């Protein structure tokens, strides 16, 4: 009986101090991504068809969006993709309201990667409001992204 009371007292102290798993203090110290505002938008194939281009209904390019967009075809295991990700987050914040920055996981959305012939990642699709999209492959620096965004998407 004493062991149960002792264990109960320890648990009560543990929870009262806010160190229990799931406590608010513990959440603040964790790497919980829900606390961080994500500016890029992850798309599934269905969302891509609704927001960017429905390739099943249209044979000619017809952009469905209301702002230009940059689409990052990536994979979680890809080192260069992981290097580009924080740059895209910064750019999404800097260009908020002017462009969308979408991300498509090529492992999860294999059909979409196949439709666009994605063979190396990162592959980046720049989609202006008018005209044809332009594809770039490989990691780019922030200055290169800004030149492409300003020159292709916001011209």
Protein backbone atom coordinates (compact mmCIF):
# COMPACT_ATOMS: atom_id res chain seq x y z
CA UNK A 1 0.00 0.00 0.00
CA UNK A 2 2.85 2.40 0.82
CA UNK A 3 4.39 1.74 -2.63
CA UNK A 4 1.14 2.67 -4.37
CA UNK A 5 0.80 5.89 -2.35
CA UNK A 6 4.43 6.77 -3.00
CA UNK A 7 4.05 6.12 -6.75
CA UNK A 8 0.82 8.17 -6.83
CA UNK A 9 2.53 11.07 -5.03
CA UNK A 10 5.45 10.98 -7.49
CA UNK A 11 3.06 11.00 -10.46
CA UNK A 12 1.08 13.90 -8.98
CA UNK A 13 4.28 15.88 -8.48
CA UNK A 14 5.43 15.03 -12.00
CA UNK A 15 2.19 16.30 -13.55
CA UNK A 16 2.03 19.37 -11.28
CA UNK A 17 5.49 20.47 -12.40
CA UNK A 18 4.48 20.28 -16.06
CA UNK A 19 7.09 17.71 -17.04
CA UNK A 20 4.67 15.00 -18.05
CA UNK A 21 4.58 13.90 -21.66
CA UNK A 22 2.03 16.06 -23.43
CA UNK A 23 2.23 18.93 -20.92
CA UNK A 24 2.34 22.50 -22.24
CA UNK A 25 5.89 23.07 -20.98
CA UNK A 26 7.06 19.91 -22.70
CA UNK A 27 5.34 20.95 -25.95
CA UNK A 28 7.20 24.25 -25.99
CA UNK A 29 10.55 22.49 -25.75
CA UNK A 30 9.78 19.87 -28.36
CA UNK A 31 10.27 20.14 -32.10
CA UNK A 32 6.51 20.12 -32.59
CA UNK A 33 5.96 21.48 -36.10
CA UNK A 34 2.42 22.56 -35.28
CA UNK A 35 3.87 25.52 -33.36
CA UNK A 36 5.73 26.73 -36.46
CA UNK A 37 3.79 28.45 -39.19
CA UNK A 38 4.34 26.65 -42.46
CA UNK A 39 4.12 28.94 -45.47
CA UNK A 40 4.51 26.34 -48.19
CA UNK A 41 1.50 24.25 -49.13
CA UNK A 42 1.72 20.48 -49.53
CA UNK A 43 -0.46 19.12 -52.34
CA UNK A 44 -1.86 15.71 -53.12
CA UNK A 45 -2.62 14.71 -56.70
CA UNK A 46 -6.32 15.57 -56.21
CA UNK A 47 -5.45 19.00 -54.79
CA UNK A 48 -3.00 19.59 -57.66
CA UNK A 49 -5.76 18.90 -60.19
CA UNK A 50 -8.07 21.39 -58.45
CA UNK A 51 -5.55 24.15 -57.73
CA UNK A 52 -2.98 23.90 -60.51
CA UNK A 53 -3.82 21.80 -63.57
CA UNK A 54 -6.34 19.06 -64.20
CA UNK A 55 -4.38 17.00 -66.71
CA UNK A 56 -7.17 14.40 -66.94
CA UNK A 57 -9.69 16.93 -68.30
CA UNK A 58 -7.38 19.25 -70.26
CA UNK A 59 -4.87 18.28 -72.92
CA UNK A 60 -3.59 21.87 -73.22
CA UNK A 61 -2.09 23.66 -70.25
CA UNK A 62 -4.73 25.56 -68.26
CA UNK A 63 -3.60 26.94 -64.91
CA UNK A 64 -6.39 26.82 -62.31
CA UNK A 65 -4.82 29.18 -59.75
CA UNK A 66 -5.47 32.80 -58.92
CA UNK A 67 -1.76 33.64 -58.32
CA UNK A 68 1.43 32.38 -59.94
CA UNK A 69 3.02 29.41 -58.21
CA UNK A 70 6.26 27.58 -57.71
CA UNK A 71 5.98 23.81 -57.25
CA UNK A 72 8.73 21.87 -55.52
CA UNK A 73 8.79 18.17 -56.42
CA UNK A 74 10.76 16.63 -53.55
CA UNK A 75 11.32 13.57 -51.36
CA UNK A 76 12.03 13.45 -47.62
CA UNK A 77 15.16 11.34 -48.12
CA UNK A 78 16.70 13.78 -50.64
CA UNK A 79 19.56 15.85 -49.21
CA UNK A 80 19.35 18.72 -51.74
CA UNK A 81 15.56 18.81 -51.20
CA UNK A 82 16.11 19.25 -47.46
CA UNK A 83 18.55 22.10 -48.19
CA UNK A 84 16.01 23.87 -50.42
CA UNK A 85 13.06 23.47 -48.02
CA UNK A 86 13.95 26.29 -45.56
CA UNK A 87 14.73 28.63 -48.46
CA UNK A 88 11.27 27.95 -49.91
CA UNK A 89 9.70 28.62 -46.50
CA UNK A 90 11.45 32.01 -46.36
CA UNK A 91 10.39 32.83 -49.90
CA UNK A 92 6.79 31.83 -49.19
CA UNK A 93 6.78 34.31 -46.33
CA UNK A 94 8.49 37.06 -48.36
CA UNK A 95 6.16 36.63 -51.35
CA UNK A 96 3.02 35.95 -49.29
CA UNK A 97 -0.05 37.17 -51.16
CA UNK A 98 1.86 37.33 -54.46
CA UNK A 99 2.60 33.67 -55.24
CA UNK A 100 1.91 30.20 -53.90
CA UNK A 101 4.73 27.83 -53.12
CA UNK A 102 3.50 24.25 -53.34
CA UNK A 103 5.36 21.08 -52.39
CA UNK A 104 4.70 17.65 -53.85
CA UNK A 105 6.19 14.56 -52.23
CA UNK A 106 7.19 12.41 -55.22
CA UNK A 107 7.18 9.24 -53.10
CA UNK A 108 3.58 9.80 -51.99
CA UNK A 109 2.34 11.26 -55.30
CA UNK A 110 4.00 8.95 -57.83
CA UNK A 111 1.29 9.43 -60.46
CA UNK A 112 1.82 13.17 -60.46
CA UNK A 113 5.60 12.80 -60.61
CA UNK A 114 5.16 10.46 -63.56
CA UNK A 115 2.82 12.83 -65.42
CA UNK A 116 5.49 15.56 -65.22
CA UNK A 117 8.36 13.18 -65.99
CA UNK A 118 10.14 13.88 -62.72
CA UNK A 119 13.34 11.83 -62.81
CA UNK A 120 15.56 13.88 -60.53
CA UNK A 121 14.75 15.89 -57.45
CA UNK A 122 14.41 18.57 -56.49
CA UNK A 123 12.56 19.57 -59.63
CA UNK A 124 10.92 22.96 -59.58
CA UNK A 125 8.02 24.01 -61.75
CA UNK A 126 7.51 27.78 -62.17
CA UNK A 127 3.90 28.44 -63.18
CA UNK A 128 3.06 32.00 -64.31
CA UNK A 129 -0.53 33.20 -64.59
CA UNK A 130 -0.25 33.30 -68.37
CA UNK A 131 1.95 31.22 -70.59
CA UNK A 132 3.61 27.88 -70.18
CA UNK A 133 5.23 26.66 -66.98
CA UNK A 134 9.01 26.32 -66.83
CA UNK A 135 10.87 23.46 -65.15
CA UNK A 136 14.21 23.72 -63.36
CA UNK A 137 16.13 20.84 -61.81
CA UNK A 138 18.48 20.77 -58.87
CA UNK A 139 18.95 22.82 -55.74
CA UNK A 140 19.03 26.57 -56.17
CA UNK A 141 20.15 29.33 -53.85
CA UNK A 142 17.80 31.99 -52.54
CA UNK A 143 19.11 34.64 -54.94
CA UNK A 144 18.49 32.32 -57.92
CA UNK A 145 14.97 31.59 -56.71
CA UNK A 146 14.25 35.30 -56.33
CA UNK A 147 15.51 36.02 -59.86
CA UNK A 148 13.32 33.22 -61.24
CA UNK A 149 10.27 34.30 -59.24
CA UNK A 150 10.66 37.95 -60.26
CA UNK A 151 11.54 37.14 -63.88
CA UNK A 152 9.15 34.26 -64.62
CA UNK A 153 6.27 34.47 -62.14
CA UNK A 154 5.89 38.18 -61.41
CA UNK A 155 6.82 39.71 -64.78
